[in-house]
């Protein structure tokens, strides 16, 4: 099951970049933050939209 709020994981991006750093100098200088724009999900989260999607959902027993 996926989390309700799908924020990208910087740790996941680091994991993807790791093998590239051995062969590419640009990858060594890259930061995970350069590849993920959290503004969209933050705006949806702060507006209450994401929570509203699950407001009337019942948990499975």
N, C-alpha and C. Protein backbone atom coordinates (compact mmCIF):
# COMPACT_ATOMS: atom_id res chain seq x y z
N UNK A 1 0.85 -1.17 0.00
CA UNK A 1 0.00 0.00 0.00
C UNK A 1 0.90 1.24 0.00
N UNK A 2 0.53 2.20 -0.79
CA UNK A 2 1.30 3.44 -0.89
C UNK A 2 0.85 4.45 0.16
N UNK A 3 1.75 5.32 0.58
CA UNK A 3 1.35 6.36 1.52
C UNK A 3 0.36 7.32 0.86
N UNK A 4 -0.50 7.91 1.64
CA UNK A 4 -1.50 8.83 1.11
C UNK A 4 -0.84 10.07 0.52
N UNK A 5 0.20 10.53 1.13
CA UNK A 5 0.89 11.73 0.67
C UNK A 5 2.20 11.31 -0.01
N UNK A 6 2.24 11.47 -1.31
CA UNK A 6 3.34 10.96 -2.13
C UNK A 6 4.48 11.95 -2.29
N UNK A 7 5.14 12.28 -1.19
CA UNK A 7 6.33 13.13 -1.26
C UNK A 7 7.48 12.29 -1.80
N UNK A 8 8.27 12.85 -2.73
CA UNK A 8 9.43 12.11 -3.21
C UNK A 8 10.44 11.90 -2.09
N UNK A 9 11.15 10.82 -2.16
CA UNK A 9 12.15 10.49 -1.15
C UNK A 9 13.53 10.92 -1.64
N UNK A 10 14.17 11.82 -0.91
CA UNK A 10 15.53 12.22 -1.28
C UNK A 10 16.49 11.04 -1.13
N UNK A 11 16.22 10.18 -0.19
CA UNK A 11 17.06 8.98 -0.02
C UNK A 11 16.96 8.08 -1.25
N UNK A 12 15.77 7.97 -1.81
CA UNK A 12 15.59 7.18 -3.04
C UNK A 12 16.36 7.77 -4.21
N UNK A 13 16.33 9.09 -4.31
CA UNK A 13 17.07 9.75 -5.38
C UNK A 13 18.58 9.58 -5.19
N UNK A 14 19.04 9.61 -3.95
CA UNK A 14 20.46 9.38 -3.67
C UNK A 14 20.86 7.97 -4.12
N UNK A 15 19.98 7.02 -3.87
CA UNK A 15 20.23 5.63 -4.25
C UNK A 15 20.38 5.50 -5.76
N UNK A 16 19.55 6.22 -6.50
CA UNK A 16 19.61 6.18 -7.96
C UNK A 16 20.87 6.86 -8.48
N UNK A 17 21.25 7.96 -7.85
CA UNK A 17 22.44 8.69 -8.28
C UNK A 17 23.75 7.97 -7.95
N UNK A 18 23.76 7.18 -6.92
CA UNK A 18 25.00 6.55 -6.43
C UNK A 18 25.80 5.84 -7.51
N UNK A 19 25.22 4.95 -8.31
CA UNK A 19 26.04 4.27 -9.33
C UNK A 19 26.54 5.22 -10.42
N UNK A 20 25.82 6.29 -10.65
CA UNK A 20 26.23 7.24 -11.68
C UNK A 20 27.44 8.06 -11.26
N UNK A 21 27.64 8.22 -9.96
CA UNK A 21 28.74 9.05 -9.47
C UNK A 21 30.11 8.45 -9.80
N UNK A 22 30.15 7.14 -10.01
CA UNK A 22 31.41 6.48 -10.33
C UNK A 22 31.92 6.83 -11.72
N UNK A 23 30.98 7.19 -12.62
CA UNK A 23 31.36 7.41 -14.02
C UNK A 23 31.17 8.86 -14.48
N UNK A 24 30.41 9.64 -13.75
CA UNK A 24 30.04 10.97 -14.24
C UNK A 24 30.28 12.03 -13.17
N UNK A 25 31.14 12.97 -13.47
CA UNK A 25 31.46 14.04 -12.51
C UNK A 25 30.23 14.89 -12.20
N UNK A 26 29.36 15.08 -13.17
CA UNK A 26 28.14 15.86 -12.93
C UNK A 26 27.26 15.16 -11.90
N UNK A 27 27.21 13.86 -11.95
CA UNK A 27 26.40 13.10 -10.98
C UNK A 27 26.98 13.25 -9.57
N UNK A 28 28.29 13.33 -9.46
CA UNK A 28 28.92 13.51 -8.14
C UNK A 28 28.53 14.85 -7.53
N UNK A 29 28.36 15.86 -8.36
CA UNK A 29 28.01 17.19 -7.87
C UNK A 29 26.50 17.38 -7.71
N UNK A 30 25.72 16.46 -8.22
CA UNK A 30 24.26 16.59 -8.20
C UNK A 30 23.70 16.38 -6.80
N UNK A 31 22.66 17.11 -6.52
CA UNK A 31 21.95 16.96 -5.25
C UNK A 31 20.55 16.42 -5.55
N UNK A 32 20.06 15.53 -4.72
CA UNK A 32 18.71 14.99 -4.95
C UNK A 32 17.65 16.10 -5.05
N UNK A 33 17.87 17.18 -4.32
CA UNK A 33 16.91 18.29 -4.34
C UNK A 33 16.80 18.93 -5.72
N UNK A 34 17.83 18.74 -6.55
CA UNK A 34 17.82 19.30 -7.90
C UNK A 34 16.88 18.54 -8.83
N UNK A 35 16.43 17.37 -8.43
CA UNK A 35 15.63 16.52 -9.30
C UNK A 35 14.17 16.40 -8.87
N UNK A 36 13.83 16.98 -7.75
CA UNK A 36 12.45 16.85 -7.25
C UNK A 36 11.91 18.22 -6.87
N UNK A 37 10.76 18.56 -7.41
CA UNK A 37 10.09 19.81 -7.08
C UNK A 37 8.93 19.47 -6.15
N UNK A 38 9.09 19.77 -4.87
CA UNK A 38 8.08 19.43 -3.88
C UNK A 38 6.95 20.45 -3.81
N UNK A 39 7.05 21.54 -4.56
CA UNK A 39 6.07 22.61 -4.43
C UNK A 39 4.65 22.16 -4.77
N UNK A 40 4.51 21.27 -5.74
CA UNK A 40 3.16 20.83 -6.13
C UNK A 40 2.50 20.00 -5.05
N UNK A 41 3.21 19.02 -4.54
CA UNK A 41 2.64 18.16 -3.50
C UNK A 41 2.46 18.94 -2.21
N UNK A 42 3.39 19.86 -1.90
CA UNK A 42 3.24 20.69 -0.70
C UNK A 42 1.98 21.54 -0.79
N UNK A 43 1.74 22.13 -1.96
CA UNK A 43 0.55 22.97 -2.13
C UNK A 43 -0.73 22.15 -1.95
N UNK A 44 -0.77 20.96 -2.54
CA UNK A 44 -1.92 20.09 -2.37
C UNK A 44 -2.10 19.68 -0.92
N UNK A 45 -1.00 19.39 -0.26
CA UNK A 45 -1.04 18.97 1.14
C UNK A 45 -1.51 20.12 2.04
N UNK A 46 -0.91 21.28 1.88
CA UNK A 46 -1.24 22.42 2.74
C UNK A 46 -2.67 22.92 2.51
N UNK A 47 -3.19 22.72 1.32
CA UNK A 47 -4.56 23.16 1.04
C UNK A 47 -5.59 22.24 1.68
N UNK A 48 -5.15 21.06 2.10
CA UNK A 48 -6.08 20.08 2.68
C UNK A 48 -6.69 19.15 1.65
N UNK A 49 -6.30 19.34 0.39
CA UNK A 49 -6.89 18.53 -0.68
C UNK A 49 -6.62 17.03 -0.49
N UNK A 50 -5.39 16.68 -0.19
CA UNK A 50 -5.05 15.26 -0.06
C UNK A 50 -5.84 14.63 1.08
N UNK A 51 -5.89 15.31 2.22
CA UNK A 51 -6.66 14.78 3.35
C UNK A 51 -8.14 14.63 2.99
N UNK A 52 -8.66 15.56 2.17
CA UNK A 52 -10.08 15.49 1.80
C UNK A 52 -10.38 14.26 0.95
N UNK A 53 -9.40 13.77 0.24
CA UNK A 53 -9.61 12.57 -0.58
C UNK A 53 -9.90 11.34 0.28
N UNK A 54 -9.35 11.33 1.46
CA UNK A 54 -9.47 10.16 2.34
C UNK A 54 -10.45 10.39 3.49
N UNK A 55 -11.07 11.54 3.53
CA UNK A 55 -11.95 11.90 4.64
C UNK A 55 -13.09 10.92 4.86
N UNK A 56 -13.72 10.49 3.79
CA UNK A 56 -14.87 9.60 3.90
C UNK A 56 -14.54 8.14 3.67
N UNK A 57 -13.27 7.84 3.52
CA UNK A 57 -12.85 6.45 3.30
C UNK A 57 -12.79 5.72 4.63
N UNK A 58 -13.30 4.51 4.64
CA UNK A 58 -13.21 3.67 5.84
C UNK A 58 -12.02 2.75 5.69
N UNK A 59 -11.36 2.46 6.81
CA UNK A 59 -10.24 1.53 6.80
C UNK A 59 -10.78 0.11 6.68
N UNK A 60 -10.03 -0.70 5.94
CA UNK A 60 -10.39 -2.11 5.83
C UNK A 60 -10.06 -2.81 7.14
N UNK A 61 -10.95 -3.64 7.61
CA UNK A 61 -10.67 -4.36 8.87
C UNK A 61 -9.58 -5.37 8.73
